């Protein structure tokens, strides 16, 4: 039996668990892009009728294990077929409507995460102005921008390794010591 303390995010209300997933009808597999788009539209309608809020809708349609990734598993294929499709436009409009009518601050079934983003002052000022003009908060504006599809050709290639703390749950124990970035940490005794 292990006495190790489980790792968790500070924002977790309870220890990490499995998010409740919606029972979806079986995917109709096809190699045809038009059939995949039709299947995407069918399942988006199914999810729209049954989801409890925008977070459920987003997770089931666009999440890491959502129908968009399951129907179009290759990133290039997903970008090529979905970014120019009216089916994607409809799904994004459904998401926007759900977000504007969902008055819950968060979904109790799915804990929130907080990220810190380094950005130039001019971009921050631009976001503040855009949020004010849109009569929304910067947070809501950024979530809206993050839920939109981005073409890979507009994402700059990374020229160096990522900076900042490592992603995922963090647990610093008395046996661990802080070290400067790019240095190694002492491991917990086994």
N, C-alpha and C. Protein backbone atom coordinates (compact mmCIF):
# COMPACT_ATOMS: atom_id res chain seq x y z
N UNK A 1 0.84 -1.18 0.00
CA UNK A 1 0.00 0.00 0.00
C UNK A 1 0.89 1.24 0.00
N UNK A 2 0.59 2.20 -0.83
CA UNK A 2 1.41 3.40 -0.98
C UNK A 2 0.88 4.53 -0.12
N UNK A 3 1.79 5.27 0.52
CA UNK A 3 1.41 6.43 1.32
C UNK A 3 1.60 7.72 0.54
N UNK A 4 1.83 7.62 -0.76
CA UNK A 4 2.07 8.80 -1.59
C UNK A 4 0.81 9.66 -1.66
N UNK A 5 1.01 10.97 -1.57
CA UNK A 5 -0.10 11.90 -1.69
C UNK A 5 -0.43 12.06 -3.17
N UNK A 6 -1.70 11.88 -3.56
CA UNK A 6 -2.04 12.03 -4.99
C UNK A 6 -1.87 13.48 -5.43
N UNK A 7 -1.42 13.66 -6.66
CA UNK A 7 -1.26 15.01 -7.20
C UNK A 7 -2.62 15.51 -7.67
N UNK A 8 -2.86 16.80 -7.53
CA UNK A 8 -4.09 17.39 -8.02
C UNK A 8 -3.87 18.88 -8.27
N UNK A 9 -4.79 19.47 -9.02
CA UNK A 9 -4.74 20.89 -9.30
C UNK A 9 -5.32 21.64 -8.12
N UNK A 10 -4.83 22.82 -7.86
CA UNK A 10 -5.35 23.63 -6.76
C UNK A 10 -6.82 23.97 -6.97
N UNK A 11 -7.28 24.02 -8.21
CA UNK A 11 -8.67 24.38 -8.49
C UNK A 11 -9.63 23.20 -8.38
N UNK A 12 -9.12 22.01 -8.15
CA UNK A 12 -10.00 20.85 -8.01
C UNK A 12 -10.77 20.93 -6.70
N UNK A 13 -12.08 20.74 -6.79
CA UNK A 13 -12.90 20.69 -5.58
C UNK A 13 -12.72 19.34 -4.90
N UNK A 14 -12.58 18.32 -5.67
CA UNK A 14 -12.43 16.96 -5.16
C UNK A 14 -11.22 16.35 -5.85
N UNK A 15 -10.74 15.22 -5.35
CA UNK A 15 -9.64 14.56 -6.06
C UNK A 15 -10.02 14.29 -7.51
N UNK A 16 -9.02 14.27 -8.36
CA UNK A 16 -9.25 14.09 -9.80
C UNK A 16 -10.07 12.84 -10.04
N UNK A 17 -11.02 12.94 -10.92
CA UNK A 17 -11.88 11.82 -11.27
C UNK A 17 -12.21 11.88 -12.74
N UNK A 18 -13.06 11.02 -13.16
CA UNK A 18 -13.46 10.96 -14.55
C UNK A 18 -14.66 11.87 -14.77
N UNK A 19 -14.58 12.73 -15.78
CA UNK A 19 -15.69 13.62 -16.11
C UNK A 19 -16.84 12.78 -16.66
N UNK A 20 -18.05 13.07 -16.24
CA UNK A 20 -19.17 12.32 -16.80
C UNK A 20 -19.28 12.60 -18.29
N UNK A 21 -19.33 11.56 -19.07
CA UNK A 21 -19.41 11.72 -20.52
C UNK A 21 -20.82 11.39 -20.98
N UNK A 22 -21.20 11.99 -22.07
CA UNK A 22 -22.50 11.76 -22.67
C UNK A 22 -22.47 10.44 -23.43
N UNK A 23 -23.56 9.71 -23.36
CA UNK A 23 -23.67 8.48 -24.15
C UNK A 23 -24.06 8.88 -25.57
N UNK A 24 -23.12 8.72 -26.48
CA UNK A 24 -23.35 9.10 -27.88
C UNK A 24 -23.70 7.88 -28.70
N UNK A 25 -24.48 8.09 -29.76
CA UNK A 25 -24.70 6.97 -30.66
C UNK A 25 -23.38 6.56 -31.30
N UNK A 26 -23.33 5.35 -31.78
CA UNK A 26 -22.11 4.86 -32.41
C UNK A 26 -21.77 5.70 -33.63
N UNK A 27 -20.48 5.95 -33.82
CA UNK A 27 -20.03 6.68 -35.01
C UNK A 27 -20.22 5.80 -36.24
N UNK A 28 -20.72 6.38 -37.31
CA UNK A 28 -20.82 5.67 -38.57
C UNK A 28 -19.51 5.90 -39.32
N UNK A 29 -18.61 4.91 -39.28
CA UNK A 29 -17.30 5.12 -39.92
C UNK A 29 -17.43 5.23 -41.44
N UNK A 30 -16.60 6.10 -41.98
CA UNK A 30 -16.57 6.30 -43.43
C UNK A 30 -15.24 6.92 -43.80
N UNK A 31 -14.80 6.66 -45.01
CA UNK A 31 -13.58 7.30 -45.50
C UNK A 31 -13.91 8.55 -46.30
N UNK A 32 -15.17 8.71 -46.64
CA UNK A 32 -15.59 9.84 -47.46
C UNK A 32 -15.68 11.11 -46.61
N UNK A 33 -14.97 12.18 -46.99
CA UNK A 33 -15.05 13.44 -46.24
C UNK A 33 -16.47 13.98 -46.12
N UNK A 34 -17.26 13.88 -47.19
CA UNK A 34 -18.63 14.40 -47.12
C UNK A 34 -19.47 13.58 -46.15
N UNK A 35 -19.25 12.26 -46.10
CA UNK A 35 -19.97 11.42 -45.14
C UNK A 35 -19.53 11.75 -43.71
N UNK A 36 -18.23 12.02 -43.51
CA UNK A 36 -17.74 12.39 -42.19
C UNK A 36 -18.35 13.72 -41.73
N UNK A 37 -18.46 14.68 -42.65
CA UNK A 37 -19.07 15.97 -42.31
C UNK A 37 -20.55 15.80 -41.97
N UNK A 38 -21.24 14.94 -42.71
CA UNK A 38 -22.66 14.67 -42.41
C UNK A 38 -22.79 14.02 -41.03
N UNK A 39 -21.89 13.09 -40.72
CA UNK A 39 -21.89 12.43 -39.41
C UNK A 39 -21.58 13.45 -38.31
N UNK A 40 -20.64 14.35 -38.57
CA UNK A 40 -20.33 15.42 -37.62
C UNK A 40 -21.58 16.24 -37.33
N UNK A 41 -22.29 16.66 -38.38
CA UNK A 41 -23.50 17.46 -38.21
C UNK A 41 -24.57 16.69 -37.44
N UNK A 42 -24.74 15.40 -37.73
CA UNK A 42 -25.74 14.58 -37.03
C UNK A 42 -25.43 14.51 -35.54
N UNK A 43 -24.16 14.26 -35.22
CA UNK A 43 -23.78 14.12 -33.81
C UNK A 43 -23.81 15.46 -33.08
N UNK A 44 -23.48 16.56 -33.75
CA UNK A 44 -23.57 17.88 -33.13
C UNK A 44 -25.02 18.15 -32.73
N UNK A 45 -25.98 17.80 -33.60
CA UNK A 45 -27.39 17.97 -33.27
C UNK A 45 -27.79 17.12 -32.07
N UNK A 46 -27.31 15.89 -32.03
CA UNK A 46 -27.60 14.98 -30.92
C UNK A 46 -27.05 15.57 -29.62
N UNK A 47 -25.80 16.03 -29.65
CA UNK A 47 -25.16 16.60 -28.46
C UNK A 47 -25.86 17.88 -28.03
N UNK A 48 -26.25 18.71 -28.99
CA UNK A 48 -26.92 19.97 -28.67
C UNK A 48 -28.22 19.72 -27.91
N UNK A 49 -28.95 18.69 -28.29
CA UNK A 49 -30.22 18.38 -27.62
C UNK A 49 -30.02 17.86 -26.19
N UNK A 50 -28.87 17.26 -25.90
CA UNK A 50 -28.69 16.57 -24.63
C UNK A 50 -27.68 17.21 -23.67
N UNK A 51 -26.87 18.14 -24.13
CA UNK A 51 -25.85 18.69 -23.24
C UNK A 51 -26.48 19.65 -22.23
N UNK A 52 -25.88 19.69 -21.04
CA UNK A 52 -26.42 20.50 -19.95
C UNK A 52 -25.92 21.93 -19.97
N UNK A 53 -24.89 22.21 -20.71
CA UNK A 53 -24.32 23.56 -20.76
C UNK A 53 -23.24 23.63 -21.81
N UNK A 54 -22.66 24.81 -21.94
CA UNK A 54 -21.66 24.98 -23.00
C UNK A 54 -20.42 24.14 -22.78
N UNK A 55 -20.04 23.88 -21.53
CA UNK A 55 -18.85 23.09 -21.26
C UNK A 55 -19.06 21.65 -21.75
N UNK A 56 -20.24 21.09 -21.46
CA UNK A 56 -20.55 19.73 -21.96
C UNK A 56 -20.51 19.70 -23.48
N UNK A 57 -21.15 20.69 -24.10
CA UNK A 57 -21.20 20.75 -25.56
C UNK A 57 -19.78 20.83 -26.13
N UNK A 58 -18.97 21.74 -25.59
CA UNK A 58 -17.60 21.89 -26.09
C UNK A 58 -16.82 20.59 -25.93
N UNK A 59 -16.87 19.99 -24.74
CA UNK A 59 -16.10 18.77 -24.47
C UNK A 59 -16.47 17.65 -25.44
N UNK A 60 -17.76 17.46 -25.68
CA UNK A 60 -18.21 16.36 -26.53
C UNK A 60 -17.95 16.61 -28.01
N UNK A 61 -17.96 17.88 -28.43
CA UNK A 61 -17.76 18.18 -29.85
C UNK A 61 -16.28 18.45 -30.16
N UNK A 62 -15.65 19.35 -29.41
CA UNK A 62 -14.31 19.82 -29.74
C UNK A 62 -13.22 19.38 -28.77
N UNK A 63 -13.57 18.74 -27.67
CA UNK A 63 -12.59 18.36 -26.66
C UNK A 63 -11.56 17.36 -27.16
N UNK A 64 -10.63 17.01 -26.27
CA UNK A 64 -9.53 16.11 -26.63
C UNK A 64 -10.02 14.77 -27.15
N UNK A 65 -11.19 14.32 -26.69
CA UNK A 65 -11.77 13.06 -27.16
C UNK A 65 -13.14 13.32 -27.82
N UNK A 66 -13.32 14.54 -28.33
CA UNK A 66 -14.59 14.91 -28.94
C UNK A 66 -14.79 14.32 -30.32
N UNK A 67 -15.99 14.50 -30.84
CA UNK A 67 -16.33 13.89 -32.13
C UNK A 67 -15.50 14.45 -33.29
N UNK A 68 -15.09 15.72 -33.21
CA UNK A 68 -14.28 16.29 -34.30
C UNK A 68 -12.96 15.52 -34.42
N UNK A 69 -12.33 15.22 -33.30
CA UNK A 69 -11.07 14.48 -33.33
C UNK A 69 -11.28 13.01 -33.64
N UNK A 70 -12.40 12.46 -33.26
CA UNK A 70 -12.64 11.05 -33.55
C UNK A 70 -12.99 10.83 -35.02
N UNK A 71 -13.73 11.77 -35.61
CA UNK A 71 -14.07 11.64 -37.03
C UNK A 71 -12.91 12.02 -37.95
N UNK A 72 -12.13 13.00 -37.52
CA UNK A 72 -10.98 13.47 -38.31
C UNK A 72 -9.74 13.38 -37.43
N UNK A 73 -9.18 12.18 -37.26
CA UNK A 73 -8.09 12.00 -36.30
C UNK A 73 -6.77 12.69 -36.69
N UNK A 74 -6.54 12.89 -37.96
CA UNK A 74 -5.30 13.54 -38.39
C UNK A 74 -5.49 15.06 -38.37
N UNK A 75 -4.58 15.79 -37.70
CA UNK A 75 -4.73 17.25 -37.61
C UNK A 75 -4.89 17.94 -38.96
N UNK A 76 -4.11 17.55 -39.95
CA UNK A 76 -4.22 18.17 -41.27
C UNK A 76 -5.58 17.93 -41.90
N UNK A 77 -6.08 16.71 -41.78
CA UNK A 77 -7.40 16.36 -42.32
C UNK A 77 -8.49 17.15 -41.59
N UNK A 78 -8.39 17.21 -40.26
CA UNK A 78 -9.38 17.93 -39.46
C UNK A 78 -9.39 19.40 -39.86
N UNK A 79 -8.21 19.99 -39.99
CA UNK A 79 -8.13 21.40 -40.37
C UNK A 79 -8.68 21.63 -41.77
N UNK A 80 -8.30 20.77 -42.72
CA UNK A 80 -8.71 20.94 -44.11
C UNK A 80 -10.23 20.86 -44.27
N UNK A 81 -10.83 19.84 -43.68
CA UNK A 81 -12.27 19.64 -43.89
C UNK A 81 -13.14 20.46 -42.96
N UNK A 82 -12.75 20.62 -41.71
CA UNK A 82 -13.63 21.33 -40.78
C UNK A 82 -13.54 22.85 -40.89
N UNK A 83 -12.34 23.40 -41.09
CA UNK A 83 -12.20 24.85 -41.06
C UNK A 83 -12.99 25.56 -42.15
N UNK A 84 -13.24 24.91 -43.24
CA UNK A 84 -13.97 25.55 -44.33
C UNK A 84 -15.42 25.05 -44.45
N UNK A 85 -15.90 24.32 -43.46
CA UNK A 85 -17.22 23.71 -43.61
C UNK A 85 -18.33 24.51 -42.93
N UNK A 86 -19.50 24.46 -43.52
CA UNK A 86 -20.66 25.09 -42.90
C UNK A 86 -21.06 24.31 -41.65
N UNK A 87 -20.74 23.02 -41.59
CA UNK A 87 -21.05 22.20 -40.41
C UNK A 87 -20.29 22.73 -39.18
N UNK A 88 -19.04 23.13 -39.38
CA UNK A 88 -18.27 23.69 -38.27
C UNK A 88 -18.87 25.04 -37.86
N UNK A 89 -19.24 25.85 -38.83
CA UNK A 89 -19.86 27.15 -38.52
C UNK A 89 -21.09 26.98 -37.65
N UNK A 90 -21.93 26.01 -38.00
CA UNK A 90 -23.16 25.75 -37.23
C UNK A 90 -22.80 25.33 -35.81
N UNK A 91 -21.83 24.43 -35.66
CA UNK A 91 -21.41 23.97 -34.33
C UNK A 91 -20.87 25.13 -33.49
N UNK A 92 -20.07 26.01 -34.10
CA UNK A 92 -19.53 27.15 -33.37
C UNK A 92 -20.62 28.15 -33.00
N UNK A 93 -21.63 28.30 -33.86
CA UNK A 93 -22.77 29.17 -33.53
C UNK A 93 -23.56 28.58 -32.36
N UNK A 94 -23.75 27.25 -32.36
CA UNK A 94 -24.44 26.59 -31.24
C UNK A 94 -23.67 26.82 -29.95
N UNK A 95 -22.34 26.71 -30.01
CA UNK A 95 -21.50 26.94 -28.84
C UNK A 95 -21.66 28.37 -28.35
N UNK A 96 -21.65 29.34 -29.25
CA UNK A 96 -21.79 30.75 -28.87
C UNK A 96 -23.14 31.01 -28.20
N UNK A 97 -24.20 30.43 -28.75
CA UNK A 97 -25.54 30.60 -28.16
C UNK A 97 -25.56 29.99 -26.76
N UNK A 98 -25.01 28.80 -26.62
CA UNK A 98 -24.97 28.15 -25.30
C UNK A 98 -24.18 28.99 -24.30
N UNK A 99 -23.04 29.54 -24.74
CA UNK A 99 -22.23 30.36 -23.83
C UNK A 99 -22.96 31.62 -23.42
N UNK A 100 -23.74 32.21 -24.32
CA UNK A 100 -24.43 33.46 -23.98
C UNK A 100 -25.65 33.22 -23.10
N UNK A 101 -26.20 32.02 -23.12
CA UNK A 101 -27.39 31.74 -22.30
C UNK A 101 -27.08 30.93 -21.05
N UNK A 102 -25.89 30.38 -20.95
CA UNK A 102 -25.50 29.57 -19.79
C UNK A 102 -25.03 30.52 -18.69
N UNK A 103 -25.84 30.71 -17.69
CA UNK A 103 -25.55 31.68 -16.64
C UNK A 103 -24.71 31.11 -15.50
N UNK A 104 -24.44 29.81 -15.52
CA UNK A 104 -23.60 29.23 -14.49
C UNK A 104 -22.17 29.71 -14.68
N UNK A 105 -21.51 30.09 -13.59
CA UNK A 105 -20.12 30.53 -13.69
C UNK A 105 -19.23 29.39 -14.14
N UNK A 106 -19.50 28.20 -13.66
CA UNK A 106 -18.70 27.05 -14.06
C UNK A 106 -19.56 25.81 -14.01
N UNK A 107 -19.01 24.74 -14.53
CA UNK A 107 -19.70 23.46 -14.54
C UNK A 107 -19.15 22.64 -13.37
N UNK A 108 -20.01 22.33 -12.41
CA UNK A 108 -19.57 21.62 -11.21
C UNK A 108 -18.98 20.25 -11.54
N UNK A 109 -19.38 19.67 -12.68
CA UNK A 109 -18.89 18.35 -13.06
C UNK A 109 -17.48 18.42 -13.65
N UNK A 110 -17.03 19.62 -14.01
CA UNK A 110 -15.71 19.75 -14.61
C UNK A 110 -15.00 20.94 -13.98
N UNK A 111 -13.96 20.69 -13.18
CA UNK A 111 -13.24 21.79 -12.55
C UNK A 111 -12.62 22.73 -13.58
N UNK A 112 -12.49 23.98 -13.20
CA UNK A 112 -11.85 24.96 -14.08
C UNK A 112 -10.34 24.91 -13.89
N UNK A 113 -9.63 25.38 -14.88
CA UNK A 113 -8.18 25.52 -14.83
C UNK A 113 -7.85 26.98 -15.08
N UNK A 114 -6.74 27.41 -14.55
CA UNK A 114 -6.29 28.78 -14.77
C UNK A 114 -4.94 28.71 -15.48
N UNK A 115 -4.78 29.55 -16.49
CA UNK A 115 -3.50 29.62 -17.18
C UNK A 115 -2.98 31.05 -17.12
N UNK A 116 -1.70 31.18 -17.21
CA UNK A 116 -1.08 32.49 -17.30
C UNK A 116 -0.44 32.58 -18.67
N UNK A 117 -0.73 33.65 -19.36
CA UNK A 117 -0.22 33.84 -20.72
C UNK A 117 0.63 35.10 -20.75
N UNK A 118 1.84 34.97 -21.25
CA UNK A 118 2.69 36.14 -21.43
C UNK A 118 2.34 36.76 -22.79
N UNK A 119 2.04 38.06 -22.80
CA UNK A 119 1.72 38.73 -24.05
C UNK A 119 2.19 40.17 -23.99
N UNK A 120 2.45 40.74 -25.14
CA UNK A 120 2.90 42.14 -25.17
C UNK A 120 1.82 43.08 -24.65
N UNK A 121 2.25 44.19 -24.07
CA UNK A 121 1.31 45.17 -23.53
C UNK A 121 0.32 45.62 -24.60
N UNK A 122 0.80 45.82 -25.83
CA UNK A 122 -0.09 46.30 -26.89
C UNK A 122 -1.21 45.30 -27.18
N UNK A 123 -0.91 44.00 -27.12
CA UNK A 123 -1.95 42.99 -27.32
C UNK A 123 -2.94 43.01 -26.15
N UNK A 124 -2.45 43.18 -24.94
CA UNK A 124 -3.33 43.26 -23.78
C UNK A 124 -4.26 44.47 -23.90
N UNK A 125 -3.69 45.61 -24.29
CA UNK A 125 -4.51 46.82 -24.47
C UNK A 125 -5.57 46.60 -25.55
N UNK A 126 -5.18 45.95 -26.62
CA UNK A 126 -6.12 45.65 -27.70
C UNK A 126 -7.27 44.76 -27.21
N UNK A 127 -6.93 43.76 -26.40
CA UNK A 127 -7.97 42.87 -25.83
C UNK A 127 -8.91 43.64 -24.91
N UNK A 128 -8.36 44.56 -24.12
CA UNK A 128 -9.21 45.37 -23.24
C UNK A 128 -10.19 46.21 -24.05
N UNK A 129 -9.69 46.84 -25.11
CA UNK A 129 -10.56 47.67 -25.96
C UNK A 129 -11.61 46.81 -26.64
N UNK A 130 -11.20 45.67 -27.19
CA UNK A 130 -12.15 44.79 -27.87
C UNK A 130 -13.21 44.27 -26.90
N UNK A 131 -12.81 43.91 -25.67
CA UNK A 131 -13.77 43.44 -24.67
C UNK A 131 -14.76 44.55 -24.32
N UNK A 132 -14.25 45.77 -24.13
CA UNK A 132 -15.13 46.90 -23.81
C UNK A 132 -16.11 47.14 -24.96
N UNK A 133 -15.61 47.12 -26.20
CA UNK A 133 -16.48 47.35 -27.37
C UNK A 133 -17.52 46.24 -27.51
N UNK A 134 -17.15 45.02 -27.11
CA UNK A 134 -18.07 43.88 -27.20
C UNK A 134 -18.96 43.75 -25.96
N UNK A 135 -18.74 44.64 -24.99
CA UNK A 135 -19.50 44.62 -23.74
C UNK A 135 -19.41 43.27 -23.03
N UNK A 136 -18.17 42.82 -22.90
CA UNK A 136 -17.91 41.55 -22.23
C UNK A 136 -16.61 41.69 -21.44
N UNK A 137 -16.28 40.67 -20.70
CA UNK A 137 -15.03 40.69 -19.94
C UNK A 137 -13.88 40.19 -20.82
N UNK A 138 -12.66 40.50 -20.41
CA UNK A 138 -11.50 39.98 -21.14
C UNK A 138 -11.51 38.46 -21.08
N UNK A 139 -11.87 37.90 -19.93
CA UNK A 139 -11.92 36.45 -19.78
C UNK A 139 -12.88 35.82 -20.79
N UNK A 140 -14.09 36.37 -20.90
CA UNK A 140 -15.07 35.83 -21.86
C UNK A 140 -14.58 35.99 -23.29
N UNK A 141 -13.97 37.12 -23.59
CA UNK A 141 -13.44 37.35 -24.93
C UNK A 141 -12.35 36.33 -25.25
N UNK A 142 -11.45 36.11 -24.31
CA UNK A 142 -10.35 35.15 -24.54
C UNK A 142 -10.88 33.73 -24.69
N UNK A 143 -11.88 33.35 -23.89
CA UNK A 143 -12.47 32.02 -24.05
C UNK A 143 -13.09 31.89 -25.43
N UNK A 144 -13.77 32.95 -25.88
CA UNK A 144 -14.35 32.93 -27.22
C UNK A 144 -13.26 32.73 -28.27
N UNK A 145 -12.18 33.46 -28.15
CA UNK A 145 -11.08 33.33 -29.12
C UNK A 145 -10.45 31.94 -29.04
N UNK A 146 -10.34 31.38 -27.84
CA UNK A 146 -9.74 30.05 -27.68
C UNK A 146 -10.63 28.94 -28.22
N UNK A 147 -11.93 29.14 -28.29
CA UNK A 147 -12.82 28.10 -28.80
C UNK A 147 -12.95 28.13 -30.32
N UNK A 148 -12.35 29.13 -30.95
CA UNK A 148 -12.39 29.21 -32.42
C UNK A 148 -11.27 28.37 -33.02
N UNK A 149 -11.47 27.89 -34.20
CA UNK A 149 -10.46 27.10 -34.89
C UNK A 149 -9.38 28.02 -35.46
N UNK A 150 -8.14 27.58 -35.33
CA UNK A 150 -7.00 28.34 -35.85
C UNK A 150 -6.33 27.49 -36.92
N UNK A 151 -6.04 28.10 -38.04
CA UNK A 151 -5.31 27.38 -39.10
C UNK A 151 -3.85 27.25 -38.68
N UNK A 152 -3.30 26.06 -38.86
CA UNK A 152 -1.93 25.80 -38.40
C UNK A 152 -0.92 26.72 -39.06
N UNK A 153 -1.20 27.19 -40.27
CA UNK A 153 -0.22 28.05 -40.93
C UNK A 153 -0.08 29.41 -40.23
N UNK A 154 -1.03 29.74 -39.35
CA UNK A 154 -0.96 31.00 -38.61
C UNK A 154 -0.35 30.83 -37.22
N UNK A 155 0.04 29.61 -36.87
CA UNK A 155 0.65 29.35 -35.57
C UNK A 155 2.16 29.30 -35.78
N UNK A 156 2.91 30.21 -35.12
CA UNK A 156 4.36 30.21 -35.34
C UNK A 156 5.02 28.95 -34.79
N UNK A 157 6.05 28.52 -35.48
CA UNK A 157 6.82 27.36 -35.02
C UNK A 157 7.65 27.79 -33.82
N UNK A 158 7.82 26.87 -32.89
CA UNK A 158 8.62 27.17 -31.70
C UNK A 158 10.09 27.03 -32.03
N UNK A 159 10.88 28.06 -31.71
CA UNK A 159 12.31 28.02 -32.00
C UNK A 159 13.12 27.57 -30.79
N UNK A 160 12.47 27.48 -29.63
CA UNK A 160 13.16 27.06 -28.41
C UNK A 160 12.20 26.20 -27.60
N UNK A 161 12.73 25.60 -26.55
CA UNK A 161 11.86 24.76 -25.73
C UNK A 161 10.89 25.64 -24.95
N UNK A 162 9.72 25.10 -24.59
CA UNK A 162 8.72 25.89 -23.86
C UNK A 162 9.26 26.38 -22.53
N UNK A 163 8.83 27.58 -22.14
CA UNK A 163 9.23 28.15 -20.86
C UNK A 163 8.11 27.95 -19.85
N UNK A 164 8.42 28.18 -18.59
CA UNK A 164 7.40 28.12 -17.55
C UNK A 164 7.40 26.78 -16.85
N UNK A 165 6.47 26.64 -15.92
CA UNK A 165 6.41 25.40 -15.15
C UNK A 165 5.86 24.29 -16.02
N UNK A 166 6.16 23.09 -15.65
CA UNK A 166 5.68 21.95 -16.43
C UNK A 166 4.16 21.84 -16.30
N UNK A 167 3.48 21.46 -17.37
CA UNK A 167 2.03 21.34 -17.30
C UNK A 167 1.62 20.15 -16.46
N UNK A 168 0.38 20.17 -16.00
CA UNK A 168 -0.15 19.04 -15.25
C UNK A 168 -0.14 19.29 -13.76
N UNK A 169 -0.60 18.31 -13.01
CA UNK A 169 -0.68 18.45 -11.56
C UNK A 169 0.70 18.67 -10.96
N UNK A 170 0.76 19.48 -9.93
CA UNK A 170 2.02 19.78 -9.28
C UNK A 170 1.92 19.39 -7.81
N UNK A 171 2.98 18.84 -7.29
CA UNK A 171 3.04 18.52 -5.87
C UNK A 171 4.48 18.72 -5.44
N UNK A 172 4.69 19.67 -4.59
CA UNK A 172 6.03 19.89 -4.07
C UNK A 172 6.04 19.35 -2.66
N UNK A 173 6.92 18.42 -2.41
CA UNK A 173 7.01 17.78 -1.10
C UNK A 173 8.24 18.31 -0.38
N UNK A 174 8.37 18.07 0.91
CA UNK A 174 9.56 18.51 1.63
C UNK A 174 10.84 17.91 1.07
N UNK A 175 10.75 16.80 0.37
CA UNK A 175 11.92 16.13 -0.19
C UNK A 175 12.36 16.74 -1.51
N UNK A 176 11.51 17.57 -2.10
CA UNK A 176 11.81 18.18 -3.38
C UNK A 176 12.38 19.57 -3.13
N UNK A 177 13.34 19.98 -3.89
CA UNK A 177 13.89 21.31 -3.73
C UNK A 177 13.69 22.09 -5.01
N UNK A 178 13.54 23.40 -4.86
CA UNK A 178 13.39 24.27 -6.02
C UNK A 178 14.74 24.41 -6.71
N UNK A 179 14.70 24.43 -8.02
CA UNK A 179 15.92 24.69 -8.77
C UNK A 179 15.59 25.66 -9.89
N UNK A 180 16.58 26.28 -10.41
CA UNK A 180 16.40 27.26 -11.48
C UNK A 180 15.81 26.58 -12.71
N UNK A 181 15.14 27.36 -13.58
CA UNK A 181 14.60 26.77 -14.81
C UNK A 181 15.70 26.05 -15.59
N UNK A 182 15.31 25.00 -16.27
CA UNK A 182 16.19 24.15 -17.07
C UNK A 182 17.16 23.32 -16.23
N UNK A 183 17.01 23.36 -14.92
CA UNK A 183 17.80 22.48 -14.05
C UNK A 183 16.92 21.33 -13.64
N UNK A 184 17.48 20.28 -13.13
CA UNK A 184 16.67 19.14 -12.73
C UNK A 184 16.31 19.26 -11.27
N UNK A 185 15.19 18.61 -10.89
CA UNK A 185 14.77 18.58 -9.49
C UNK A 185 15.22 17.29 -8.86
N UNK A 186 15.46 17.36 -7.57
CA UNK A 186 15.75 16.13 -6.84
C UNK A 186 14.47 15.34 -6.71
N UNK A 187 14.53 14.10 -6.96
CA UNK A 187 13.36 13.22 -6.89
C UNK A 187 13.06 12.85 -5.46
N UNK A 188 11.80 12.58 -5.22
CA UNK A 188 11.37 12.10 -3.90
C UNK A 188 11.97 10.74 -3.64
N UNK A 189 12.45 10.46 -2.42
CA UNK A 189 12.98 9.12 -2.14
C UNK A 189 11.90 8.07 -2.30
N UNK A 190 12.26 6.93 -2.83
CA UNK A 190 11.28 5.87 -3.08
C UNK A 190 11.13 5.02 -1.84
